[in-house]
PDB file of N, CA and C in Angstrom:
ATOM      1  N   MET A   1     100.491  11.771  48.745  1.00  0.00           N
ATOM      2  CA  MET A   1      99.278  12.456  48.336  1.00  0.00           C
ATOM      3  C   MET A   1      99.657  13.635  47.441  1.00  0.00           C
ATOM      4  N   LYS A   2      99.020  13.704  46.284  1.00  0.00           N
ATOM      5  CA  LYS A   2      99.302  14.793  45.349  1.00  0.00           C
ATOM      6  C   LYS A   2      98.625  16.075  45.816  1.00  0.00           C
ATOM      7  N   GLN A   3      99.326  17.175  45.662  1.00  0.00           N
ATOM      8  CA  GLN A   3      98.768  18.476  45.992  1.00  0.00           C
ATOM      9  C   GLN A   3      98.504  19.240  44.704  1.00  0.00           C
ATOM     10  N   TYR A   4      97.438  20.041  44.712  1.00  0.00           N
ATOM     11  CA  TYR A   4      97.031  20.821  43.543  1.00  0.00           C
ATOM     12  C   TYR A   4      97.087  22.303  43.878  1.00  0.00           C
ATOM     13  N   ASP A   5      97.379  23.099  42.866  1.00  0.00           N
ATOM     14  CA  ASP A   5      97.319  24.553  43.025  1.00  0.00           C
ATOM     15  C   ASP A   5      95.870  25.026  43.087  1.00  0.00           C
ATOM     16  N   VAL A   6      95.010  24.379  42.292  1.00  0.00           N
ATOM     17  CA  VAL A   6      93.607  24.780  42.177  1.00  0.00           C
ATOM     18  C   VAL A   6      92.731  23.537  42.258  1.00  0.00           C
ATOM     19  N   VAL A   7      91.703  23.585  43.100  1.00  0.00           N
ATOM     20  CA  VAL A   7      90.691  22.535  43.143  1.00  0.00           C
ATOM     21  C   VAL A   7      89.354  23.213  42.847  1.00  0.00           C
ATOM     22  N   ILE A   8      88.693  22.736  41.814  1.00  0.00           N
ATOM     23  CA  ILE A   8      87.423  23.316  41.377  1.00  0.00           C
ATOM     24  C   ILE A   8      86.320  22.327  41.716  1.00  0.00           C
ATOM     25  N   ILE A   9      85.312  22.810  42.415  1.00  0.00           N
ATOM     26  CA  ILE A   9      84.190  21.964  42.800  1.00  0.00           C
ATOM     27  C   ILE A   9      83.047  22.229  41.827  1.00  0.00           C
ATOM     28  N   GLY A  10      82.731  21.225  41.033  1.00  0.00           N
ATOM     29  CA  GLY A  10      81.641  21.335  40.065  1.00  0.00           C
ATOM     30  C   GLY A  10      82.155  21.282  38.642  1.00  0.00           C
ATOM     31  N   GLY A  11      81.513  20.451  37.835  1.00  0.00           N
ATOM     32  CA  GLY A  11      81.927  20.271  36.450  1.00  0.00           C
ATOM     33  C   GLY A  11      80.923  20.819  35.459  1.00  0.00           C
ATOM     34  N   GLY A  12      80.324  21.942  35.804  1.00  0.00           N
ATOM     35  CA  GLY A  12      79.426  22.614  34.867  1.00  0.00           C
ATOM     36  C   GLY A  12      80.228  23.566  33.984  1.00  0.00           C
ATOM     37  N   PRO A  13      79.547  24.399  33.217  1.00  0.00           N
ATOM     38  CA  PRO A  13      80.244  25.333  32.326  1.00  0.00           C
ATOM     39  C   PRO A  13      81.240  26.238  33.053  1.00  0.00           C
ATOM     40  N   ALA A  14      80.865  26.759  34.206  1.00  0.00           N
ATOM     41  CA  ALA A  14      81.779  27.630  34.947  1.00  0.00           C
ATOM     42  C   ALA A  14      82.979  26.855  35.477  1.00  0.00           C
ATOM     43  N   GLY A  15      82.738  25.649  35.985  1.00  0.00           N
ATOM     44  CA  GLY A  15      83.826  24.833  36.517  1.00  0.00           C
ATOM     45  C   GLY A  15      84.841  24.455  35.456  1.00  0.00           C
ATOM     46  N   TYR A  16      84.359  24.005  34.305  1.00  0.00           N
ATOM     47  CA  TYR A  16      85.293  23.609  33.253  1.00  0.00           C
ATOM     48  C   TYR A  16      85.952  24.805  32.582  1.00  0.00           C
ATOM     49  N   SER A  17      85.291  25.950  32.560  1.00  0.00           N
ATOM     50  CA  SER A  17      85.959  27.165  32.067  1.00  0.00           C
ATOM     51  C   SER A  17      87.100  27.543  33.004  1.00  0.00           C
ATOM     52  N   ALA A  18      86.839  27.491  34.308  1.00  0.00           N
ATOM     53  CA  ALA A  18      87.884  27.791  35.285  1.00  0.00           C
ATOM     54  C   ALA A  18      89.027  26.790  35.181  1.00  0.00           C
ATOM     55  N   ALA A  19      88.701  25.512  34.988  1.00  0.00           N
ATOM     56  CA  ALA A  19      89.736  24.484  34.857  1.00  0.00           C
ATOM     57  C   ALA A  19      90.594  24.713  33.622  1.00  0.00           C
ATOM     58  N   LEU A  20      89.960  25.082  32.523  1.00  0.00           N
ATOM     59  CA  LEU A  20      90.695  25.353  31.291  1.00  0.00           C
ATOM     60  C   LEU A  20      91.706  26.473  31.499  1.00  0.00           C
ATOM     61  N   TYR A  21      91.264  27.574  32.081  1.00  0.00           N
ATOM     62  CA  TYR A  21      92.155  28.723  32.240  1.00  0.00           C
ATOM     63  C   TYR A  21      93.223  28.490  33.306  1.00  0.00           C
ATOM     64  N   SER A  22      92.891  27.791  34.383  1.00  0.00           N
ATOM     65  CA  SER A  22      93.924  27.548  35.390  1.00  0.00           C
ATOM     66  C   SER A  22      94.957  26.544  34.869  1.00  0.00           C
ATOM     67  N   ALA A  23      94.512  25.536  34.137  1.00  0.00           N
ATOM     68  CA  ALA A  23      95.464  24.578  33.574  1.00  0.00           C
ATOM     69  C   ALA A  23      96.333  25.235  32.505  1.00  0.00           C
ATOM     70  N   ARG A  24      95.752  26.098  31.691  1.00  0.00           N
ATOM     71  CA  ARG A  24      96.545  26.828  30.692  1.00  0.00           C
ATOM     72  C   ARG A  24      97.542  27.760  31.357  1.00  0.00           C
ATOM     73  N   GLY A  25      97.228  28.199  32.564  1.00  0.00           N
ATOM     74  CA  GLY A  25      98.134  29.048  33.331  1.00  0.00           C
ATOM     75  C   GLY A  25      99.202  28.255  34.071  1.00  0.00           C
ATOM     76  N   MET A  26      99.331  26.983  33.721  1.00  0.00           N
ATOM     77  CA  MET A  26     100.362  26.105  34.276  1.00  0.00           C
ATOM     78  C   MET A  26     100.168  25.826  35.764  1.00  0.00           C
ATOM     79  N   LEU A  27      98.931  25.862  36.228  1.00  0.00           N
ATOM     80  CA  LEU A  27      98.618  25.497  37.603  1.00  0.00           C
ATOM     81  C   LEU A  27      98.083  24.074  37.609  1.00  0.00           C
ATOM     82  N   SER A  28      98.537  23.259  38.553  1.00  0.00           N
ATOM     83  CA  SER A  28      97.993  21.900  38.637  1.00  0.00           C
ATOM     84  C   SER A  28      96.540  22.021  39.099  1.00  0.00           C
ATOM     85  N   THR A  29      95.645  21.426  38.317  1.00  0.00           N
ATOM     86  CA  THR A  29      94.212  21.673  38.488  1.00  0.00           C
ATOM     87  C   THR A  29      93.445  20.367  38.625  1.00  0.00           C
ATOM     88  N   LEU A  30      92.557  20.320  39.605  1.00  0.00           N
ATOM     89  CA  LEU A  30      91.684  19.172  39.815  1.00  0.00           C
ATOM     90  C   LEU A  30      90.240  19.650  39.796  1.00  0.00           C
ATOM     91  N   VAL A  31      89.400  18.947  39.035  1.00  0.00           N
ATOM     92  CA  VAL A  31      87.962  19.222  39.023  1.00  0.00           C
ATOM     93  C   VAL A  31      87.269  18.091  39.769  1.00  0.00           C
ATOM     94  N   VAL A  32      86.500  18.440  40.793  1.00  0.00           N
ATOM     95  CA  VAL A  32      85.736  17.470  41.558  1.00  0.00           C
ATOM     96  C   VAL A  32      84.286  17.599  41.093  1.00  0.00           C
ATOM     97  N   ASN A  33      83.785  16.506  40.517  1.00  0.00           N
ATOM     98  CA  ASN A  33      82.463  16.543  39.918  1.00  0.00           C
ATOM     99  C   ASN A  33      81.750  15.244  40.235  1.00  0.00           C
ATOM    100  N   ARG A  34      80.562  15.296  40.766  1.00  0.00           N
ATOM    101  CA  ARG A  34      79.855  14.063  41.099  1.00  0.00           C
ATOM    102  C   ARG A  34      78.753  13.722  40.103  1.00  0.00           C
ATOM    103  N   GLY A  35      78.476  14.621  39.195  1.00  0.00           N
ATOM    104  CA  GLY A  35      77.420  14.373  38.215  1.00  0.00           C
ATOM    105  C   GLY A  35      77.995  14.256  36.815  1.00  0.00           C
ATOM    106  N   ALA A  36      77.156  14.489  35.849  1.00  0.00           N
ATOM    107  CA  ALA A  36      77.577  14.430  34.450  1.00  0.00           C
ATOM    108  C   ALA A  36      78.420  15.651  34.113  1.00  0.00           C
ATOM    109  N   ASP A  37      79.384  15.464  33.220  1.00  0.00           N
ATOM    110  CA  ASP A  37      80.200  16.592  32.766  1.00  0.00           C
ATOM    111  C   ASP A  37      79.304  17.588  32.035  1.00  0.00           C
ATOM    112  N   GLY A  38      79.299  18.824  32.517  1.00  0.00           N
ATOM    113  CA  GLY A  38      78.455  19.849  31.932  1.00  0.00           C
ATOM    114  C   GLY A  38      77.361  20.316  32.870  1.00  0.00           C
ATOM    115  N   GLY A  39      77.214  19.654  33.998  1.00  0.00           N
ATOM    116  CA  GLY A  39      76.212  20.063  34.989  1.00  0.00           C
ATOM    117  C   GLY A  39      74.797  19.972  34.447  1.00  0.00           C
ATOM    118  N   GLN A  40      73.972  20.915  34.807  1.00  0.00           N
ATOM    119  CA  GLN A  40      72.565  20.932  34.380  1.00  0.00           C
ATOM    120  C   GLN A  40      72.415  21.114  32.873  1.00  0.00           C
ATOM    121  N   MET A  41      73.457  21.601  32.248  1.00  0.00           N
ATOM    122  CA  MET A  41      73.429  21.828  30.797  1.00  0.00           C
ATOM    123  C   MET A  41      73.150  20.527  30.032  1.00  0.00           C
ATOM    124  N   VAL A  42      73.521  19.383  30.600  1.00  0.00           N
ATOM    125  CA  VAL A  42      73.336  18.112  29.890  1.00  0.00           C
ATOM    126  C   VAL A  42      71.858  17.772  29.704  1.00  0.00           C
ATOM    127  N   ASN A  43      70.994  18.421  30.452  1.00  0.00           N
ATOM    128  CA  ASN A  43      69.557  18.187  30.328  1.00  0.00           C
ATOM    129  C   ASN A  43      68.924  19.006  29.212  1.00  0.00           C
ATOM    130  N   THR A  44      69.728  19.801  28.536  1.00  0.00           N
ATOM    131  CA  THR A  44      69.228  20.654  27.455  1.00  0.00           C
ATOM    132  C   THR A  44      69.443  19.965  26.119  1.00  0.00           C
ATOM    133  N   ARG A  45      68.380  19.819  25.380  1.00  0.00           N
ATOM    134  CA  ARG A  45      68.438  19.112  24.101  1.00  0.00           C
ATOM    135  C   ARG A  45      69.203  19.890  23.040  1.00  0.00           C
ATOM    136  N   GLN A  46      68.992  21.199  22.983  1.00  0.00           N
ATOM    137  CA  GLN A  46      69.626  22.006  21.940  1.00  0.00           C
ATOM    138  C   GLN A  46      70.062  23.344  22.511  1.00  0.00           C
ATOM    139  N   ILE A  47      71.351  23.668  22.293  1.00  0.00           N
ATOM    140  CA  ILE A  47      71.900  24.941  22.750  1.00  0.00           C
ATOM    141  C   ILE A  47      72.316  25.730  21.519  1.00  0.00           C
ATOM    142  N   ASP A  48      71.757  26.918  21.380  1.00  0.00           N
ATOM    143  CA  ASP A  48      72.028  27.748  20.200  1.00  0.00           C
ATOM    144  C   ASP A  48      72.797  29.019  20.533  1.00  0.00           C
ATOM    145  N   ASN A  49      72.954  29.340  21.810  1.00  0.00           N
ATOM    146  CA  ASN A  49      73.496  30.651  22.157  1.00  0.00           C
ATOM    147  C   ASN A  49      74.716  30.603  23.068  1.00  0.00           C
ATOM    148  N   TYR A  50      75.477  29.527  23.035  1.00  0.00           N
ATOM    149  CA  TYR A  50      76.692  29.450  23.848  1.00  0.00           C
ATOM    150  C   TYR A  50      77.889  29.671  22.943  1.00  0.00           C
ATOM    151  N   PRO A  51      78.781  30.612  23.277  1.00  0.00           N
ATOM    152  CA  PRO A  51      79.917  30.923  22.397  1.00  0.00           C
ATOM    153  C   PRO A  51      80.744  29.688  22.048  1.00  0.00           C
ATOM    154  N   GLY A  52      80.971  29.485  20.791  1.00  0.00           N
ATOM    155  CA  GLY A  52      81.799  28.389  20.317  1.00  0.00           C
ATOM    156  C   GLY A  52      81.076  27.068  20.160  1.00  0.00           C
ATOM    157  N   ALA A  53      79.815  26.998  20.577  1.00  0.00           N
ATOM    158  CA  ALA A  53      79.087  25.734  20.527  1.00  0.00           C
ATOM    159  C   ALA A  53      78.493  25.459  19.161  1.00  0.00           C
ATOM    160  N   GLY A  54      78.269  26.480  18.388  1.00  0.00           N
ATOM    161  CA  GLY A  54      77.575  26.278  17.123  1.00  0.00           C
ATOM    162  C   GLY A  54      76.079  26.195  17.363  1.00  0.00           C
ATOM    163  N   VAL A  55      75.335  26.163  16.306  1.00  0.00           N
ATOM    164  CA  VAL A  55      73.879  26.135  16.407  1.00  0.00           C
ATOM    165  C   VAL A  55      73.408  24.692  16.535  1.00  0.00           C
ATOM    166  N   GLY A  56      72.567  24.457  17.509  1.00  0.00           N
ATOM    167  CA  GLY A  56      71.930  23.162  17.647  1.00  0.00           C
ATOM    168  C   GLY A  56      72.745  22.094  18.353  1.00  0.00           C
ATOM    169  N   MET A  57      73.773  22.455  19.079  1.00  0.00           N
ATOM    170  CA  MET A  57      74.563  21.459  19.804  1.00  0.00           C
ATOM    171  C   MET A  57      73.809  21.039  21.063  1.00  0.00           C
ATOM    172  N   GLY A  58      73.840  19.761  21.360  1.00  0.00           N
ATOM    173  CA  GLY A  58      73.189  19.267  22.563  1.00  0.00           C
ATOM    174  C   GLY A  58      74.015  19.572  23.798  1.00  0.00           C
ATOM    175  N   GLY A  59      73.351  19.701  24.935  1.00  0.00           N
ATOM    176  CA  GLY A  59      74.036  19.997  26.189  1.00  0.00           C
ATOM    177  C   GLY A  59      75.036  18.930  26.589  1.00  0.00           C
ATOM    178  N   TRP A  60      74.690  17.660  26.343  1.00  0.00           N
ATOM    179  CA  TRP A  60      75.598  16.562  26.674  1.00  0.00           C
ATOM    180  C   TRP A  60      76.892  16.694  25.870  1.00  0.00           C
ATOM    181  N   ASP A  61      76.770  16.967  24.578  1.00  0.00           N
ATOM    182  CA  ASP A  61      77.950  17.098  23.710  1.00  0.00           C
ATOM    183  C   ASP A  61      78.821  18.283  24.111  1.00  0.00           C
ATOM    184  N   LEU A  62      78.181  19.394  24.424  1.00  0.00           N
ATOM    185  CA  LEU A  62      78.938  20.576  24.827  1.00  0.00           C
ATOM    186  C   LEU A  62      79.665  20.340  26.146  1.00  0.00           C
ATOM    187  N   GLY A  63      79.022  19.680  27.083  1.00  0.00           N
ATOM    188  CA  GLY A  63      79.670  19.354  28.356  1.00  0.00           C
ATOM    189  C   GLY A  63      80.903  18.497  28.155  1.00  0.00           C
ATOM    190  N   GLU A  64      80.804  17.505  27.292  1.00  0.00           N
ATOM    191  CA  GLU A  64      81.955  16.643  26.990  1.00  0.00           C
ATOM    192  C   GLU A  64      83.082  17.426  26.325  1.00  0.00           C
ATOM    193  N   LYS A  65      82.732  18.313  25.402  1.00  0.00           N
ATOM    194  CA  LYS A  65      83.750  19.127  24.728  1.00  0.00           C
ATOM    195  C   LYS A  65      84.480  20.024  25.716  1.00  0.00           C
ATOM    196  N   MET A  66      83.739  20.605  26.653  1.00  0.00           N
ATOM    197  CA  MET A  66      84.354  21.479  27.654  1.00  0.00           C
ATOM    198  C   MET A  66      85.314  20.683  28.532  1.00  0.00           C
ATOM    199  N   LYS A  67      84.897  19.505  28.970  1.00  0.00           N
ATOM    200  CA  LYS A  67      85.765  18.660  29.782  1.00  0.00           C
ATOM    201  C   LYS A  67      87.012  18.263  28.996  1.00  0.00           C
ATOM    202  N   ASP A  68      86.823  17.804  27.781  1.00  0.00           N
ATOM    203  CA  ASP A  68      87.960  17.365  26.964  1.00  0.00           C
ATOM    204  C   ASP A  68      88.976  18.479  26.752  1.00  0.00           C
ATOM    205  N   GLN A  69      88.492  19.695  26.553  1.00  0.00           N
ATOM    206  CA  GLN A  69      89.419  20.813  26.343  1.00  0.00           C
ATOM    207  C   GLN A  69      90.202  21.114  27.610  1.00  0.00           C
ATOM    208  N   ALA A  70      89.553  21.062  28.769  1.00  0.00           N
ATOM    209  CA  ALA A  70      90.272  21.294  30.030  1.00  0.00           C
ATOM    210  C   ALA A  70      91.314  20.204  30.265  1.00  0.00           C
ATOM    211  N   VAL A  71      90.950  18.955  29.991  1.00  0.00           N
ATOM    212  CA  VAL A  71      91.885  17.839  30.163  1.00  0.00           C
ATOM    213  C   VAL A  71      93.048  17.961  29.194  1.00  0.00           C
ATOM    214  N   GLN A  72      92.785  18.422  27.984  1.00  0.00           N
ATOM    215  CA  GLN A  72      93.845  18.607  26.980  1.00  0.00           C
ATOM    216  C   GLN A  72      94.958  19.521  27.499  1.00  0.00           C
ATOM    217  N   PHE A  73      94.590  20.487  28.321  1.00  0.00           N
ATOM    218  CA  PHE A  73      95.579  21.410  28.856  1.00  0.00           C
ATOM    219  C   PHE A  73      96.113  20.988  30.222  1.00  0.00           C
ATOM    220  N   GLY A  74      95.691  19.812  30.707  1.00  0.00           N
ATOM    221  CA  GLY A  74      96.309  19.274  31.912  1.00  0.00           C
ATOM    222  C   GLY A  74      95.444  19.161  33.138  1.00  0.00           C
ATOM    223  N   ALA A  75      94.194  19.594  33.073  1.00  0.00           N
ATOM    224  CA  ALA A  75      93.314  19.457  34.241  1.00  0.00           C
ATOM    225  C   ALA A  75      92.989  17.984  34.447  1.00  0.00           C
ATOM    226  N   GLU A  76      92.804  17.615  35.688  1.00  0.00           N
ATOM    227  CA  GLU A  76      92.420  16.235  36.019  1.00  0.00           C
ATOM    228  C   GLU A  76      91.006  16.217  36.547  1.00  0.00           C
TER     229      GLU A  76
END
């Protein structure tokens, strides 16, 4: 059984932000998520005020980008 330094419950913006920073800090990181990547944000058609998202990005797209960035640094 694999052991993790950090286990994050929830794959919303806060969860994937935490996963990104813990994985970048060289900690083995697991995100446990039972819904869509991005949490409730995926139900938002257009997001204009989230840092780095750009104007008019959909919640689904932003959730996927957040997950992909955390995975890029080693989060599972």
